[in-house]
Amino acid sequence: MVALEAKTGKLKWHFQFTPHDLHDWDATEPLVLVDTKFQGRERKLLLQANRSGFYYVLDRLSGEFLLGKPFVKKLTWASGIGADGRPQLVEGNRPSVKGTKTCPAVRGATNWYSTAFNPATRLFYVMAVEDCSIYKQSKLGGYEPYPDPADPPQKYLRALDVETGRIVWEIPQVGAPEANYSGVLSTAGGVVFYGETGGGFAAVDARTGRTLWHFETNQVWKASPMTYMVKGRQYVAIAAGGNIFSFALAK
């Protein structure tokens, strides 16, 4: 990740999440910019749930590393993130000819779909996947990932404490995780919207995770929800399959 001076393009700072990445955990997951109190002082933060399985907090003005914590339980390639922001690698996770099981899977502990932060709850919301891949070296010099049939994946909607990365609440998803690429949307009214892995569109209480509303679409999710205003009334919309669904929030 790089931060550039907007007027000149000059590099201000950079941060590398996964040095010498051997598992295709690119860092293209959404970056969330937050102004809030962190460890006793007001700061301008950058939050990211990285594909590698770690939740990061950086000072977006200076690039200072502030926090790196796992947001999944199946994480075998590193034992943690050091004070310098670099992962503490665990031996035995390089792809091999016979195959090496490493967690997260090649799709990542999360991916490109949207995350969200709510300043009232001070929670960070992410669709997380507990999964692993068997990484085999290929004849072309790269690797090929395979699933482990004995260890099926499980997807969750998770709410993390912004200052610690602790999982405050979670909602297990029913269905195949690879069929759900929906992100989340948090509103000022204390609601989180997201696409359920089973094909429904749901709203939950932002503080507790309690389901408030559900609408069945029977579609595979490839989009995240959005919100907009028309004549003073708020709407929430999402693309489901070949359709656009829009819902008006009750006054």
Foldseek 3Di string as FASTA:
>chain_A
DWDADVVPRHTQDDDDQAPPDQQQFDFLADWDWDFDDAPHRTATWIWDCTLLQWTFIARVVRRQGDDIHGLEPQAQQFPTADNRRYGHGDPDQHAEQVWGKGPDHSCGQAHHADWDAARVLQKIKWKGKGAIWTWHQDPVGGTDTDGDPVDAMWIKTFIANNHHRDTPDIDTAPAHPVLENETWDADNVQWIWIAGQQAKTWIAGNNYRHTDDIGHDRFRDDYYKDWDDDPRWIKIWGDGDPDIDIDTDDD
